[in-house]
Amino acid sequence: MSLKSIELQIAIPKTFEAGKIAEQKQQQSQIAQQHANTSMEKQVIKNQETVLESDPYAKLDADDSQPDEQSEQQKREKQEKAEQRVKHPFKGSFFDYNG
């Protein structure tokens, strides 16, 4: 197949354009791959730093999470409830001073 000089004048610049377009597409795919890798790394770091499941013994007690005044009041209420449960029906309810 022989090419005439006029056909070469059109064909040669188009081959350069086609080469540039192919290079740009290759660079775009590389950039997309790099972007995917960085987003994956960020996701892995985020997953390492966040707590996905918590153990039941790691939960805070109600006394630890509340302010001091409320916790003291709740402690007193708990002590009163414990004392009420501990009271014996006969012991300590009557004092005999007759000696």
PDB file of N, CA and C in Angstrom:
ATOM      1  N   MET A   1       0.847  -1.163   0.000  1.00  0.00           N
ATOM      2  CA  MET A   1       0.000   0.000   0.000  1.00  0.00           C
ATOM      3  C   MET A   1       0.893   1.226   0.000  1.00  0.00           C
ATOM      4  N   SER A   2       0.715   2.022  -0.974  1.00  0.00           N
ATOM      5  CA  SER A   2       1.538   3.218  -1.072  1.00  0.00           C
ATOM      6  C   SER A   2       0.730   4.435  -0.646  1.00  0.00           C
ATOM      7  N   LEU A   3       1.425   5.330   0.046  1.00  0.00           N
ATOM      8  CA  LEU A   3       0.784   6.556   0.513  1.00  0.00           C
ATOM      9  C   LEU A   3       1.329   7.738  -0.271  1.00  0.00           C
ATOM     10  N   LYS A   4       0.454   8.616  -0.621  1.00  0.00           N
ATOM     11  CA  LYS A   4       0.865   9.814  -1.336  1.00  0.00           C
ATOM     12  C   LYS A   4       1.314  10.859  -0.334  1.00  0.00           C
ATOM     13  N   SER A   5       1.997  11.858  -0.788  1.00  0.00           N
ATOM     14  CA  SER A   5       2.524  12.893   0.092  1.00  0.00           C
ATOM     15  C   SER A   5       1.410  13.672   0.782  1.00  0.00           C
ATOM     16  N   ILE A   6       0.298  13.875   0.140  1.00  0.00           N
ATOM     17  CA  ILE A   6      -0.817  14.597   0.767  1.00  0.00           C
ATOM     18  C   ILE A   6      -1.391  13.758   1.901  1.00  0.00           C
ATOM     19  N   GLU A   7      -1.503  12.466   1.703  1.00  0.00           N
ATOM     20  CA  GLU A   7      -2.016  11.588   2.752  1.00  0.00           C
ATOM     21  C   GLU A   7      -1.060  11.547   3.941  1.00  0.00           C
ATOM     22  N   LEU A   8       0.232  11.616   3.699  1.00  0.00           N
ATOM     23  CA  LEU A   8       1.211  11.629   4.795  1.00  0.00           C
ATOM     24  C   LEU A   8       1.114  12.912   5.609  1.00  0.00           C
ATOM     25  N   GLN A   9       0.791  14.016   4.949  1.00  0.00           N
ATOM     26  CA  GLN A   9       0.664  15.287   5.662  1.00  0.00           C
ATOM     27  C   GLN A   9      -0.482  15.223   6.680  1.00  0.00           C
ATOM     28  N   ILE A  10      -1.503  14.457   6.405  1.00  0.00           N
ATOM     29  CA  ILE A  10      -2.638  14.333   7.316  1.00  0.00           C
ATOM     30  C   ILE A  10      -2.388  13.207   8.332  1.00  0.00           C
ATOM     31  N   ALA A  11      -1.783  12.119   7.891  1.00  0.00           N
ATOM     32  CA  ALA A  11      -1.644  10.930   8.727  1.00  0.00           C
ATOM     33  C   ALA A  11      -0.629  11.118   9.860  1.00  0.00           C
ATOM     34  N   ILE A  12       0.478  11.762   9.585  1.00  0.00           N
ATOM     35  CA  ILE A  12       1.530  11.903  10.596  1.00  0.00           C
ATOM     36  C   ILE A  12       1.069  12.749  11.788  1.00  0.00           C
ATOM     37  N   PRO A  13       0.461  13.913  11.622  1.00  0.00           N
ATOM     38  CA  PRO A  13      -0.006  14.651  12.805  1.00  0.00           C
ATOM     39  C   PRO A  13      -1.062  13.888  13.590  1.00  0.00           C
ATOM     40  N   LYS A  14      -1.900  13.123  12.905  1.00  0.00           N
ATOM     41  CA  LYS A  14      -2.937  12.370  13.620  1.00  0.00           C
ATOM     42  C   LYS A  14      -2.328  11.250  14.461  1.00  0.00           C
ATOM     43  N   THR A  15      -1.229  10.691  14.050  1.00  0.00           N
ATOM     44  CA  THR A  15      -0.579   9.671  14.860  1.00  0.00           C
ATOM     45  C   THR A  15      -0.021  10.275  16.144  1.00  0.00           C
ATOM     46  N   PHE A  16       0.492  11.503  16.069  1.00  0.00           N
ATOM     47  CA  PHE A  16       0.961  12.189  17.276  1.00  0.00           C
ATOM     48  C   PHE A  16      -0.206  12.468  18.219  1.00  0.00           C
ATOM     49  N   GLU A  17      -1.325  12.907  17.657  1.00  0.00           N
ATOM     50  CA  GLU A  17      -2.504  13.173  18.489  1.00  0.00           C
ATOM     51  C   GLU A  17      -3.006  11.881  19.131  1.00  0.00           C
ATOM     52  N   ALA A  18      -3.016  10.816  18.372  1.00  0.00           N
ATOM     53  CA  ALA A  18      -3.466   9.530  18.912  1.00  0.00           C
ATOM     54  C   ALA A  18      -2.530   9.052  20.020  1.00  0.00           C
ATOM     55  N   GLY A  19      -1.240   9.280  19.862  1.00  0.00           N
ATOM     56  CA  GLY A  19      -0.275   8.905  20.900  1.00  0.00           C
ATOM     57  C   GLY A  19      -0.488   9.709  22.176  1.00  0.00           C
ATOM     58  N   LYS A  20      -0.758  11.021  22.006  1.00  0.00           N
ATOM     59  CA  LYS A  20      -1.010  11.865  23.173  1.00  0.00           C
ATOM     60  C   LYS A  20      -2.283  11.436  23.892  1.00  0.00           C
ATOM     61  N   ILE A  21      -3.318  11.121  23.134  1.00  0.00           N
ATOM     62  CA  ILE A  21      -4.575  10.683  23.741  1.00  0.00           C
ATOM     63  C   ILE A  21      -4.382   9.365  24.490  1.00  0.00           C
ATOM     64  N   ALA A  22      -3.656   8.434  23.908  1.00  0.00           N
ATOM     65  CA  ALA A  22      -3.388   7.153  24.566  1.00  0.00           C
ATOM     66  C   ALA A  22      -2.599   7.355  25.858  1.00  0.00           C
ATOM     67  N   GLU A  23      -1.620   8.259  25.833  1.00  0.00           N
ATOM     68  CA  GLU A  23      -0.822   8.548  27.035  1.00  0.00           C
ATOM     69  C   GLU A  23      -1.688   9.167  28.128  1.00  0.00           C
ATOM     70  N   GLN A  24      -2.569  10.086  27.735  1.00  0.00           N
ATOM     71  CA  GLN A  24      -3.461  10.721  28.711  1.00  0.00           C
ATOM     72  C   GLN A  24      -4.396   9.697  29.350  1.00  0.00           C
ATOM     73  N   LYS A  25      -4.926   8.780  28.567  1.00  0.00           N
ATOM     74  CA  LYS A  25      -5.806   7.742  29.112  1.00  0.00           C
ATOM     75  C   LYS A  25      -5.042   6.850  30.081  1.00  0.00           C
ATOM     76  N   GLN A  26      -3.807   6.541  29.760  1.00  0.00           N
ATOM     77  CA  GLN A  26      -2.997   5.715  30.649  1.00  0.00           C
ATOM     78  C   GLN A  26      -2.720   6.453  31.961  1.00  0.00           C
ATOM     79  N   GLN A  27      -2.409   7.747  31.872  1.00  0.00           N
ATOM     80  CA  GLN A  27      -2.163   8.540  33.071  1.00  0.00           C
ATOM     81  C   GLN A  27      -3.431   8.650  33.911  1.00  0.00           C
ATOM     82  N   GLN A  28      -4.582   8.805  33.248  1.00  0.00           N
ATOM     83  CA  GLN A  28      -5.829   8.896  33.998  1.00  0.00           C
ATOM     84  C   GLN A  28      -6.106   7.603  34.756  1.00  0.00           C
ATOM     85  N   SER A  29      -5.827   6.471  34.141  1.00  0.00           N
ATOM     86  CA  SER A  29      -6.046   5.206  34.834  1.00  0.00           C
ATOM     87  C   SER A  29      -5.079   5.047  36.011  1.00  0.00           C
ATOM     88  N   GLN A  30      -3.843   5.506  35.857  1.00  0.00           N
ATOM     89  CA  GLN A  30      -2.887   5.457  36.957  1.00  0.00           C
ATOM     90  C   GLN A  30      -3.321   6.371  38.097  1.00  0.00           C
ATOM     91  N   ILE A  31      -3.806   7.560  37.758  1.00  0.00           N
ATOM     92  CA  ILE A  31      -4.268   8.499  38.786  1.00  0.00           C
ATOM     93  C   ILE A  31      -5.480   7.925  39.515  1.00  0.00           C
ATOM     94  N   ALA A  32      -6.387   7.317  38.768  1.00  0.00           N
ATOM     95  CA  ALA A  32      -7.560   6.708  39.397  1.00  0.00           C
ATOM     96  C   ALA A  32      -7.138   5.576  40.343  1.00  0.00           C
ATOM     97  N   GLN A  33      -6.159   4.795  39.946  1.00  0.00           N
ATOM     98  CA  GLN A  33      -5.667   3.705  40.791  1.00  0.00           C
ATOM     99  C   GLN A  33      -5.014   4.259  42.064  1.00  0.00           C
ATOM    100  N   GLN A  34      -4.223   5.324  41.929  1.00  0.00           N
ATOM    101  CA  GLN A  34      -3.599   5.951  43.096  1.00  0.00           C
ATOM    102  C   GLN A  34      -4.661   6.516  44.036  1.00  0.00           C
ATOM    103  N   HIS A  35      -5.681   7.125  43.477  1.00  0.00           N
ATOM    104  CA  HIS A  35      -6.758   7.681  44.297  1.00  0.00           C
ATOM    105  C   HIS A  35      -7.480   6.565  45.056  1.00  0.00           C
ATOM    106  N   ALA A  36      -7.737   5.462  44.380  1.00  0.00           N
ATOM    107  CA  ALA A  36      -8.381   4.325  45.036  1.00  0.00           C
ATOM    108  C   ALA A  36      -7.506   3.772  46.155  1.00  0.00           C
ATOM    109  N   ASN A  37      -6.192   3.713  45.928  1.00  0.00           N
ATOM    110  CA  ASN A  37      -5.274   3.214  46.966  1.00  0.00           C
ATOM    111  C   ASN A  37      -5.261   4.129  48.180  1.00  0.00           C
ATOM    112  N   THR A  38      -5.214   5.445  47.965  1.00  0.00           N
ATOM    113  CA  THR A  38      -5.189   6.368  49.101  1.00  0.00           C
ATOM    114  C   THR A  38      -6.498   6.334  49.874  1.00  0.00           C
ATOM    115  N   SER A  39      -7.615   6.223  49.164  1.00  0.00           N
ATOM    116  CA  SER A  39      -8.888   6.144  49.881  1.00  0.00           C
ATOM    117  C   SER A  39      -8.987   4.839  50.663  1.00  0.00           C
ATOM    118  N   MET A  40      -8.448   3.760  50.121  1.00  0.00           N
ATOM    119  CA  MET A  40      -8.441   2.481  50.835  1.00  0.00           C
ATOM    120  C   MET A  40      -7.559   2.574  52.077  1.00  0.00           C
ATOM    121  N   GLU A  41      -6.400   3.216  51.973  1.00  0.00           N
ATOM    122  CA  GLU A  41      -5.517   3.380  53.133  1.00  0.00           C
ATOM    123  C   GLU A  41      -6.199   4.216  54.214  1.00  0.00           C
ATOM    124  N   LYS A  42      -6.879   5.276  53.813  1.00  0.00           N
ATOM    125  CA  LYS A  42      -7.597   6.103  54.788  1.00  0.00           C
ATOM    126  C   LYS A  42      -8.678   5.291  55.493  1.00  0.00           C
ATOM    127  N   GLN A  43      -9.383   4.457  54.730  1.00  0.00           N
ATOM    128  CA  GLN A  43     -10.429   3.629  55.319  1.00  0.00           C
ATOM    129  C   GLN A  43      -9.838   2.613  56.294  1.00  0.00           C
ATOM    130  N   VAL A  44      -8.701   2.033  55.956  1.00  0.00           N
ATOM    131  CA  VAL A  44      -8.047   1.063  56.846  1.00  0.00           C
ATOM    132  C   VAL A  44      -7.614   1.750  58.140  1.00  0.00           C
ATOM    133  N   ILE A  45      -7.032   2.932  58.033  1.00  0.00           N
ATOM    134  CA  ILE A  45      -6.610   3.673  59.228  1.00  0.00           C
ATOM    135  C   ILE A  45      -7.811   4.030  60.082  1.00  0.00           C
ATOM    136  N   LYS A  46      -8.879   4.446  59.450  1.00  0.00           N
ATOM    137  CA  LYS A  46     -10.103   4.797  60.189  1.00  0.00           C
ATOM    138  C   LYS A  46     -10.657   3.577  60.907  1.00  0.00           C
ATOM    139  N   ASN A  47     -10.656   2.422  60.240  1.00  0.00           N
ATOM    140  CA  ASN A  47     -11.154   1.205  60.878  1.00  0.00           C
ATOM    141  C   ASN A  47     -10.263   0.767  62.038  1.00  0.00           C
ATOM    142  N   GLN A  48      -8.967   1.022  61.938  1.00  0.00           N
ATOM    143  CA  GLN A  48      -8.064   0.658  63.026  1.00  0.00           C
ATOM    144  C   GLN A  48      -8.272   1.560  64.240  1.00  0.00           C
ATOM    145  N   GLU A  49      -8.654   2.799  64.015  1.00  0.00           N
ATOM    146  CA  GLU A  49      -8.786   3.747  65.115  1.00  0.00           C
ATOM    147  C   GLU A  49     -10.169   3.725  65.756  1.00  0.00           C
ATOM    148  N   THR A  50     -11.178   3.227  65.065  1.00  0.00           N
ATOM    149  CA  THR A  50     -12.516   3.217  65.632  1.00  0.00           C
ATOM    150  C   THR A  50     -12.798   1.882  66.304  1.00  0.00           C
ATOM    151  N   VAL A  51     -13.729   1.915  67.251  1.00  0.00           N
ATOM    152  CA  VAL A  51     -14.131   0.724  67.977  1.00  0.00           C
ATOM    153  C   VAL A  51     -15.354   0.148  67.278  1.00  0.00           C
ATOM    154  N   LEU A  52     -15.229  -1.067  66.797  1.00  0.00           N
ATOM    155  CA  LEU A  52     -16.341  -1.705  66.110  1.00  0.00           C
ATOM    156  C   LEU A  52     -17.220  -2.480  67.088  1.00  0.00           C
ATOM    157  N   GLU A  53     -16.616  -3.142  68.045  1.00  0.00           N
ATOM    158  CA  GLU A  53     -17.350  -3.880  69.062  1.00  0.00           C
ATOM    159  C   GLU A  53     -16.743  -3.559  70.417  1.00  0.00           C
ATOM    160  N   SER A  54     -17.604  -3.429  71.415  1.00  0.00           N
ATOM    161  CA  SER A  54     -17.092  -3.166  72.751  1.00  0.00           C
ATOM    162  C   SER A  54     -17.409  -4.351  73.645  1.00  0.00           C
ATOM    163  N   ASP A  55     -16.504  -4.631  74.529  1.00  0.00           N
ATOM    164  CA  ASP A  55     -16.695  -5.715  75.468  1.00  0.00           C
ATOM    165  C   ASP A  55     -17.627  -5.259  76.576  1.00  0.00           C
ATOM    166  N   PRO A  56     -18.398  -6.161  77.150  1.00  0.00           N
ATOM    167  CA  PRO A  56     -19.337  -5.743  78.193  1.00  0.00           C
ATOM    168  C   PRO A  56     -18.645  -5.211  79.443  1.00  0.00           C
ATOM    169  N   TYR A  57     -17.449  -5.713  79.749  1.00  0.00           N
ATOM    170  CA  TYR A  57     -16.753  -5.228  80.935  1.00  0.00           C
ATOM    171  C   TYR A  57     -16.122  -3.860  80.714  1.00  0.00           C
ATOM    172  N   ALA A  58     -16.092  -3.371  79.494  1.00  0.00           N
ATOM    173  CA  ALA A  58     -15.491  -2.076  79.203  1.00  0.00           C
ATOM    174  C   ALA A  58     -16.477  -0.926  79.380  1.00  0.00           C
ATOM    175  N   LYS A  59     -17.733  -1.229  79.619  1.00  0.00           N
ATOM    176  CA  LYS A  59     -18.727  -0.176  79.787  1.00  0.00           C
ATOM    177  C   LYS A  59     -18.529   0.528  81.122  1.00  0.00           C
ATOM    178  N   LEU A  60     -18.869   1.796  81.165  1.00  0.00           N
ATOM    179  CA  LEU A  60     -18.737   2.582  82.385  1.00  0.00           C
ATOM    180  C   LEU A  60     -19.893   2.298  83.331  1.00  0.00           C
ATOM    181  N   ASP A  61     -19.618   2.369  84.606  1.00  0.00           N
ATOM    182  CA  ASP A  61     -20.695   2.281  85.586  1.00  0.00           C
ATOM    183  C   ASP A  61     -21.476   3.579  85.583  1.00  0.00           C
ATOM    184  N   ALA A  62     -22.687   3.535  86.088  1.00  0.00           N
ATOM    185  CA  ALA A  62     -23.518   4.733  86.130  1.00  0.00           C
ATOM    186  C   ALA A  62     -22.907   5.775  87.066  1.00  0.00           C
ATOM    187  N   ASP A  63     -22.206   5.315  88.125  1.00  0.00           N
ATOM    188  CA  ASP A  63     -21.594   6.258  89.064  1.00  0.00           C
ATOM    189  C   ASP A  63     -20.456   7.039  88.433  1.00  0.00           C
ATOM    190  N   ASP A  64     -19.729   6.446  87.520  1.00  0.00           N
ATOM    191  CA  ASP A  64     -18.580   7.091  86.905  1.00  0.00           C
ATOM    192  C   ASP A  64     -18.984   8.153  85.896  1.00  0.00           C
ATOM    193  N   SER A  65     -20.123   7.994  85.280  1.00  0.00           N
ATOM    194  CA  SER A  65     -20.488   8.893  84.189  1.00  0.00           C
ATOM    195  C   SER A  65     -21.276  10.111  84.649  1.00  0.00           C
ATOM    196  N   GLN A  66     -21.703  10.169  85.916  1.00  0.00           N
ATOM    197  CA  GLN A  66     -22.524  11.273  86.387  1.00  0.00           C
ATOM    198  C   GLN A  66     -21.698  12.247  87.226  1.00  0.00           C
ATOM    199  N   PRO A  67     -22.172  13.490  87.355  1.00  0.00           N
ATOM    200  CA  PRO A  67     -21.454  14.470  88.190  1.00  0.00           C
ATOM    201  C   PRO A  67     -21.415  14.032  89.649  1.00  0.00           C
ATOM    202  N   ASP A  68     -20.547  14.693  90.417  1.00  0.00           N
ATOM    203  CA  ASP A  68     -20.308  14.301  91.808  1.00  0.00           C
ATOM    204  C   ASP A  68     -21.547  14.409  92.690  1.00  0.00           C
ATOM    205  N   GLU A  69     -22.309  15.496  92.570  1.00  0.00           N
ATOM    206  CA  GLU A  69     -23.475  15.693  93.439  1.00  0.00           C
ATOM    207  C   GLU A  69     -24.501  14.597  93.228  1.00  0.00           C
ATOM    208  N   GLN A  70     -24.755  14.262  92.010  1.00  0.00           N
ATOM    209  CA  GLN A  70     -25.736  13.223  91.730  1.00  0.00           C
ATOM    210  C   GLN A  70     -25.213  11.866  92.162  1.00  0.00           C
ATOM    211  N   SER A  71     -23.941  11.627  91.965  1.00  0.00           N
ATOM    212  CA  SER A  71     -23.399  10.327  92.355  1.00  0.00           C
ATOM    213  C   SER A  71     -23.419  10.168  93.876  1.00  0.00           C
ATOM    214  N   GLU A  72     -23.137  11.230  94.625  1.00  0.00           N
ATOM    215  CA  GLU A  72     -23.194  11.160  96.079  1.00  0.00           C
ATOM    216  C   GLU A  72     -24.620  10.904  96.549  1.00  0.00           C
ATOM    217  N   GLN A  73     -25.550  11.580  95.908  1.00  0.00           N
ATOM    218  CA  GLN A  73     -26.950  11.383  96.270  1.00  0.00           C
ATOM    219  C   GLN A  73     -27.380   9.953  95.967  1.00  0.00           C
ATOM    220  N   GLN A  74     -26.955   9.438  94.853  1.00  0.00           N
ATOM    221  CA  GLN A  74     -27.312   8.071  94.511  1.00  0.00           C
ATOM    222  C   GLN A  74     -26.640   7.071  95.461  1.00  0.00           C
ATOM    223  N   LYS A  75     -25.420   7.381  95.892  1.00  0.00           N
ATOM    224  CA  LYS A  75     -24.749   6.497  96.841  1.00  0.00           C
ATOM    225  C   LYS A  75     -25.517   6.453  98.153  1.00  0.00           C
ATOM    226  N   ARG A  76     -25.976   7.635  98.605  1.00  0.00           N
ATOM    227  CA  ARG A  76     -26.765   7.675  99.843  1.00  0.00           C
ATOM    228  C   ARG A  76     -28.056   6.874  99.705  1.00  0.00           C
ATOM    229  N   GLU A  77     -28.709   7.032  98.557  1.00  0.00           N
ATOM    230  CA  GLU A  77     -29.948   6.286  98.331  1.00  0.00           C
ATOM    231  C   GLU A  77     -29.687   4.789  98.318  1.00  0.00           C
ATOM    232  N   LYS A  78     -28.588   4.379  97.712  1.00  0.00           N
ATOM    233  CA  LYS A  78     -28.238   2.966  97.688  1.00  0.00           C
ATOM    234  C   LYS A  78     -27.961   2.449  99.094  1.00  0.00           C
ATOM    235  N   GLN A  79     -27.260   3.262  99.905  1.00  0.00           N
ATOM    236  CA  GLN A  79     -26.968   2.854 101.276  1.00  0.00           C
ATOM    237  C   GLN A  79     -28.260   2.729 102.083  1.00  0.00           C
ATOM    238  N   GLU A  80     -29.187   3.685 101.908  1.00  0.00           N
ATOM    239  CA  GLU A  80     -30.457   3.627 102.626  1.00  0.00           C
ATOM    240  C   GLU A  80     -31.249   2.391 102.225  1.00  0.00           C
ATOM    241  N   LYS A  81     -31.253   2.088 100.942  1.00  0.00           N
ATOM    242  CA  LYS A  81     -31.959   0.894 100.482  1.00  0.00           C
ATOM    243  C   LYS A  81     -31.314  -0.362 101.057  1.00  0.00           C
ATOM    244  N   ALA A  82     -29.987  -0.372 101.111  1.00  0.00           N
ATOM    245  CA  ALA A  82     -29.281  -1.526 101.667  1.00  0.00           C
ATOM    246  C   ALA A  82     -29.585  -1.667 103.150  1.00  0.00           C
ATOM    247  N   GLU A  83     -29.636  -0.539 103.877  1.00  0.00           N
ATOM    248  CA  GLU A  83     -29.949  -0.590 105.308  1.00  0.00           C
ATOM    249  C   GLU A  83     -31.372  -1.081 105.532  1.00  0.00           C
ATOM    250  N   GLN A  84     -32.291  -0.655 104.687  1.00  0.00           N
ATOM    251  CA  GLN A  84     -33.671  -1.108 104.834  1.00  0.00           C
ATOM    252  C   GLN A  84     -33.784  -2.604 104.597  1.00  0.00           C
ATOM    253  N   ARG A  85     -33.028  -3.103 103.672  1.00  0.00           N
ATOM    254  CA  ARG A  85     -33.050  -4.539 103.402  1.00  0.00           C
ATOM    255  C   ARG A  85     -32.414  -5.322 104.548  1.00  0.00           C
ATOM    256  N   VAL A  86     -31.423  -4.732 105.212  1.00  0.00           N
ATOM    257  CA  VAL A  86     -30.675  -5.425 106.252  1.00  0.00           C
ATOM    258  C   VAL A  86     -31.432  -5.442 107.580  1.00  0.00           C
ATOM    259  N   LYS A  87     -32.344  -4.517 107.802  1.00  0.00           N
ATOM    260  CA  LYS A  87     -33.027  -4.424 109.095  1.00  0.00           C
ATOM    261  C   LYS A  87     -33.726  -5.732 109.445  1.00  0.00           C
ATOM    262  N   HIS A  88     -33.474  -6.135 110.666  1.00  0.00           N
ATOM    263  CA  HIS A  88     -34.084  -7.349 111.186  1.00  0.00           C
ATOM    264  C   HIS A  88     -35.395  -6.979 111.874  1.00  0.00           C
ATOM    265  N   PRO A  89     -36.409  -7.811 111.814  1.00  0.00           N
ATOM    266  CA  PRO A  89     -37.691  -7.412 112.401  1.00  0.00           C
ATOM    267  C   PRO A  89     -37.657  -7.274 113.929  1.00  0.00           C
ATOM    268  N   PHE A  90     -36.747  -8.007 114.634  1.00  0.00           N
ATOM    269  CA  PHE A  90     -36.721  -7.937 116.091  1.00  0.00           C
ATOM    270  C   PHE A  90     -35.487  -7.235 116.633  1.00  0.00           C
ATOM    271  N   LYS A  91     -34.381  -7.401 116.005  1.00  0.00           N
ATOM    272  CA  LYS A  91     -33.128  -6.868 116.525  1.00  0.00           C
ATOM    273  C   LYS A  91     -33.042  -5.375 116.270  1.00  0.00           C
ATOM    274  N   GLY A  92     -32.716  -4.616 117.315  1.00  0.00           N
ATOM    275  CA  GLY A  92     -32.449  -3.205 117.195  1.00  0.00           C
ATOM    276  C   GLY A  92     -33.662  -2.318 117.142  1.00  0.00           C
ATOM    277  N   SER A  93     -34.853  -2.875 117.261  1.00  0.00           N
ATOM    278  CA  SER A  93     -36.033  -2.007 117.196  1.00  0.00           C
ATOM    279  C   SER A  93     -36.539  -1.620 118.590  1.00  0.00           C
ATOM    280  N   PHE A  94     -36.114  -2.314 119.622  1.00  0.00           N
ATOM    281  CA  PHE A  94     -36.563  -1.998 120.979  1.00  0.00           C
ATOM    282  C   PHE A  94     -35.355  -2.014 121.914  1.00  0.00           C
ATOM    283  N   PHE A  95     -35.217  -0.932 122.710  1.00  0.00           N
ATOM    284  CA  PHE A  95     -34.141  -0.841 123.683  1.00  0.00           C
ATOM    285  C   PHE A  95     -34.709  -1.039 125.076  1.00  0.00           C
ATOM    286  N   ASP A  96     -34.108  -1.917 125.835  1.00  0.00           N
ATOM    287  CA  ASP A  96     -34.546  -2.191 127.206  1.00  0.00           C
ATOM    288  C   ASP A  96     -33.575  -1.508 128.148  1.00  0.00           C
ATOM    289  N   TYR A  97     -34.054  -0.424 128.830  1.00  0.00           N
ATOM    290  CA  TYR A  97     -33.202   0.326 129.740  1.00  0.00           C
ATOM    291  C   TYR A  97     -33.381  -0.120 131.192  1.00  0.00           C
ATOM    292  N   ASN A  98     -34.223  -1.047 131.483  1.00  0.00           N
ATOM    293  CA  ASN A  98     -34.514  -1.441 132.863  1.00  0.00           C
ATOM    294  C   ASN A  98     -33.362  -2.203 133.513  1.00  0.00           C
ATOM    295  N   GLY A  99     -32.521  -2.716 132.823  1.00  0.00           N
ATOM    296  CA  GLY A  99     -31.333  -3.352 133.286  1.00  0.00           C
ATOM    297  C   GLY A  99     -31.491  -4.416 134.211  1.00  0.00           C
TER     298      GLY A  99
END
